[in-house]
């Protein structure tokens, strides 16, 4: 099993409507991309300062399935339309689950 974890810090211009659109878009990705085995995401609850705004954890059968996801048109379009315009900072890691 292969895991992808990504954190987004959004710009000040990302109001509550934009943030809701991002979450709605994330919810659609597992229905559009067959290589996703497990997909969880959420908004930071705001109890600690300096945290990122949104976290995503996605699991795949292997690295090839992750790469399929990363280049899938639904993922690419989601990032282009909903994330990049409002992205201040991104952090990610991919690793094999043991």
C-alpha atoms as a PDB file:
ATOM      1  CA  UNK A   1       0.000   0.000   0.000  1.00  0.00           C
ATOM      2  CA  UNK A   2       1.215   3.486  -0.870  1.00  0.00           C
ATOM      3  CA  UNK A   3       0.147   6.670   0.961  1.00  0.00           C
ATOM      4  CA  UNK A   4       0.075  10.293  -0.210  1.00  0.00           C
ATOM      5  CA  UNK A   5      -0.360  13.049   2.384  1.00  0.00           C
ATOM      6  CA  UNK A   6      -0.761  16.678   1.337  1.00  0.00           C
ATOM      7  CA  UNK A   7      -1.371  19.863   3.305  1.00  0.00           C
ATOM      8  CA  UNK A   8      -2.665  23.129   1.866  1.00  0.00           C
ATOM      9  CA  UNK A   9      -2.288  26.584   3.324  1.00  0.00           C
ATOM     10  CA  UNK A  10      -4.688  28.889   1.510  1.00  0.00           C
ATOM     11  CA  UNK A  11      -4.413  32.593   0.782  1.00  0.00           C
ATOM     12  CA  UNK A  12      -6.399  35.243   2.639  1.00  0.00           C
ATOM     13  CA  UNK A  13      -8.601  35.610  -0.467  1.00  0.00           C
ATOM     14  CA  UNK A  14      -9.879  32.036   0.008  1.00  0.00           C
ATOM     15  CA  UNK A  15     -13.153  32.865   1.746  1.00  0.00           C
ATOM     16  CA  UNK A  16     -15.549  30.310   3.238  1.00  0.00           C
ATOM     17  CA  UNK A  17     -17.257  29.802  -0.134  1.00  0.00           C
ATOM     18  CA  UNK A  18     -13.940  28.969  -1.822  1.00  0.00           C
ATOM     19  CA  UNK A  19     -12.965  26.630   1.006  1.00  0.00           C
ATOM     20  CA  UNK A  20     -16.296  24.823   0.698  1.00  0.00           C
ATOM     21  CA  UNK A  21     -15.769  24.436  -3.071  1.00  0.00           C
ATOM     22  CA  UNK A  22     -12.359  22.900  -2.412  1.00  0.00           C
ATOM     23  CA  UNK A  23     -13.831  20.411   0.063  1.00  0.00           C
ATOM     24  CA  UNK A  24     -16.670  19.562  -2.340  1.00  0.00           C
ATOM     25  CA  UNK A  25     -14.140  19.023  -5.130  1.00  0.00           C
ATOM     26  CA  UNK A  26     -12.060  16.757  -2.927  1.00  0.00           C
ATOM     27  CA  UNK A  27     -15.165  14.696  -2.123  1.00  0.00           C
ATOM     28  CA  UNK A  28     -15.652  13.996  -5.833  1.00  0.00           C
ATOM     29  CA  UNK A  29     -12.139  12.762  -6.596  1.00  0.00           C
ATOM     30  CA  UNK A  30     -12.608   9.176  -5.306  1.00  0.00           C
ATOM     31  CA  UNK A  31     -15.697   8.810  -7.511  1.00  0.00           C
ATOM     32  CA  UNK A  32     -13.727   9.939 -10.563  1.00  0.00           C
ATOM     33  CA  UNK A  33     -10.349   8.244 -10.101  1.00  0.00           C
ATOM     34  CA  UNK A  34     -10.415   4.441  -9.857  1.00  0.00           C
ATOM     35  CA  UNK A  35      -6.846   4.088  -8.541  1.00  0.00           C
ATOM     36  CA  UNK A  36      -7.801   5.637  -5.171  1.00  0.00           C
ATOM     37  CA  UNK A  37      -8.238   2.926  -2.514  1.00  0.00           C
ATOM     38  CA  UNK A  38      -8.944   5.192   0.476  1.00  0.00           C
ATOM     39  CA  UNK A  39      -9.367   8.963   0.583  1.00  0.00           C
ATOM     40  CA  UNK A  40      -9.885  11.133   3.662  1.00  0.00           C
ATOM     41  CA  UNK A  41      -9.611  14.876   4.001  1.00  0.00           C
ATOM     42  CA  UNK A  42     -10.598  17.661   6.307  1.00  0.00           C
ATOM     43  CA  UNK A  43     -10.361  21.273   7.303  1.00  0.00           C
ATOM     44  CA  UNK A  44      -8.196  22.266  10.248  1.00  0.00           C
ATOM     45  CA  UNK A  45     -10.365  22.874  13.309  1.00  0.00           C
ATOM     46  CA  UNK A  46      -8.328  25.890  14.384  1.00  0.00           C
ATOM     47  CA  UNK A  47      -7.236  24.916  17.879  1.00  0.00           C
ATOM     48  CA  UNK A  48      -3.518  25.460  17.175  1.00  0.00           C
ATOM     49  CA  UNK A  49      -2.031  28.477  15.446  1.00  0.00           C
ATOM     50  CA  UNK A  50       0.137  28.066  12.366  1.00  0.00           C
ATOM     51  CA  UNK A  51      -1.518  24.904  11.087  1.00  0.00           C
ATOM     52  CA  UNK A  52      -2.259  24.320   7.440  1.00  0.00           C
ATOM     53  CA  UNK A  53      -5.892  24.776   6.352  1.00  0.00           C
ATOM     54  CA  UNK A  54      -6.716  21.459   4.656  1.00  0.00           C
ATOM     55  CA  UNK A  55      -5.205  17.974   4.879  1.00  0.00           C
ATOM     56  CA  UNK A  56      -5.648  15.071   2.456  1.00  0.00           C
ATOM     57  CA  UNK A  57      -4.619  11.442   2.968  1.00  0.00           C
ATOM     58  CA  UNK A  58      -4.944   9.158  -0.053  1.00  0.00           C
ATOM     59  CA  UNK A  59      -4.015   5.488  -0.254  1.00  0.00           C
ATOM     60  CA  UNK A  60      -3.180   3.537  -3.392  1.00  0.00           C
ATOM     61  CA  UNK A  61      -2.228  -0.041  -4.202  1.00  0.00           C
ATOM     62  CA  UNK A  62       1.276   1.006  -5.230  1.00  0.00           C
ATOM     63  CA  UNK A  63       3.385   3.846  -6.616  1.00  0.00           C
ATOM     64  CA  UNK A  64       2.085   3.294 -10.136  1.00  0.00           C
ATOM     65  CA  UNK A  65      -1.505   3.797  -8.930  1.00  0.00           C
ATOM     66  CA  UNK A  66      -0.451   7.017  -7.184  1.00  0.00           C
ATOM     67  CA  UNK A  67       1.199   8.279 -10.366  1.00  0.00           C
ATOM     68  CA  UNK A  68      -1.991   7.446 -12.278  1.00  0.00           C
ATOM     69  CA  UNK A  69      -3.939   9.570  -9.769  1.00  0.00           C
ATOM     70  CA  UNK A  70      -1.466  12.453  -9.904  1.00  0.00           C
ATOM     71  CA  UNK A  71      -1.820  12.772 -13.678  1.00  0.00           C
ATOM     72  CA  UNK A  72      -5.522  11.866 -13.955  1.00  0.00           C
ATOM     73  CA  UNK A  73      -7.503  14.587 -15.707  1.00  0.00           C
ATOM     74  CA  UNK A  74      -9.986  14.940 -12.812  1.00  0.00           C
ATOM     75  CA  UNK A  75      -7.147  15.555 -10.337  1.00  0.00           C
ATOM     76  CA  UNK A  76      -5.267  17.911 -12.644  1.00  0.00           C
ATOM     77  CA  UNK A  77      -8.431  19.926 -13.342  1.00  0.00           C
ATOM     78  CA  UNK A  78      -9.371  20.077  -9.647  1.00  0.00           C
ATOM     79  CA  UNK A  79      -5.929  21.440  -8.719  1.00  0.00           C
ATOM     80  CA  UNK A  80      -5.953  23.918 -11.606  1.00  0.00           C
ATOM     81  CA  UNK A  81      -9.431  25.243 -10.899  1.00  0.00           C
ATOM     82  CA  UNK A  82      -9.787  25.103  -7.120  1.00  0.00           C
ATOM     83  CA  UNK A  83      -6.378  24.844  -5.478  1.00  0.00           C
ATOM     84  CA  UNK A  84      -3.745  26.784  -7.423  1.00  0.00           C
ATOM     85  CA  UNK A  85      -5.625  30.107  -7.490  1.00  0.00           C
ATOM     86  CA  UNK A  86      -5.808  30.099  -3.675  1.00  0.00           C
ATOM     87  CA  UNK A  87      -2.666  28.209  -2.679  1.00  0.00           C
ATOM     88  CA  UNK A  88      -0.212  29.987  -0.434  1.00  0.00           C
ATOM     89  CA  UNK A  89       1.797  26.922   0.545  1.00  0.00           C
ATOM     90  CA  UNK A  90       1.742  23.172  -0.021  1.00  0.00           C
ATOM     91  CA  UNK A  91       3.544  20.366   1.741  1.00  0.00           C
ATOM     92  CA  UNK A  92       3.397  16.705   0.780  1.00  0.00           C
ATOM     93  CA  UNK A  93       4.938  13.317   1.412  1.00  0.00           C
ATOM     94  CA  UNK A  94       4.474   9.904  -0.162  1.00  0.00           C
ATOM     95  CA  UNK A  95       5.515   6.661   1.537  1.00  0.00           C
ATOM     96  CA  UNK A  96       5.038   2.912   1.562  1.00  0.00           C
ATOM     97  CA  UNK A  97       2.769   1.617   4.313  1.00  0.00           C
ATOM     98  CA  UNK A  98       4.325  -1.213   6.288  1.00  0.00           C
END
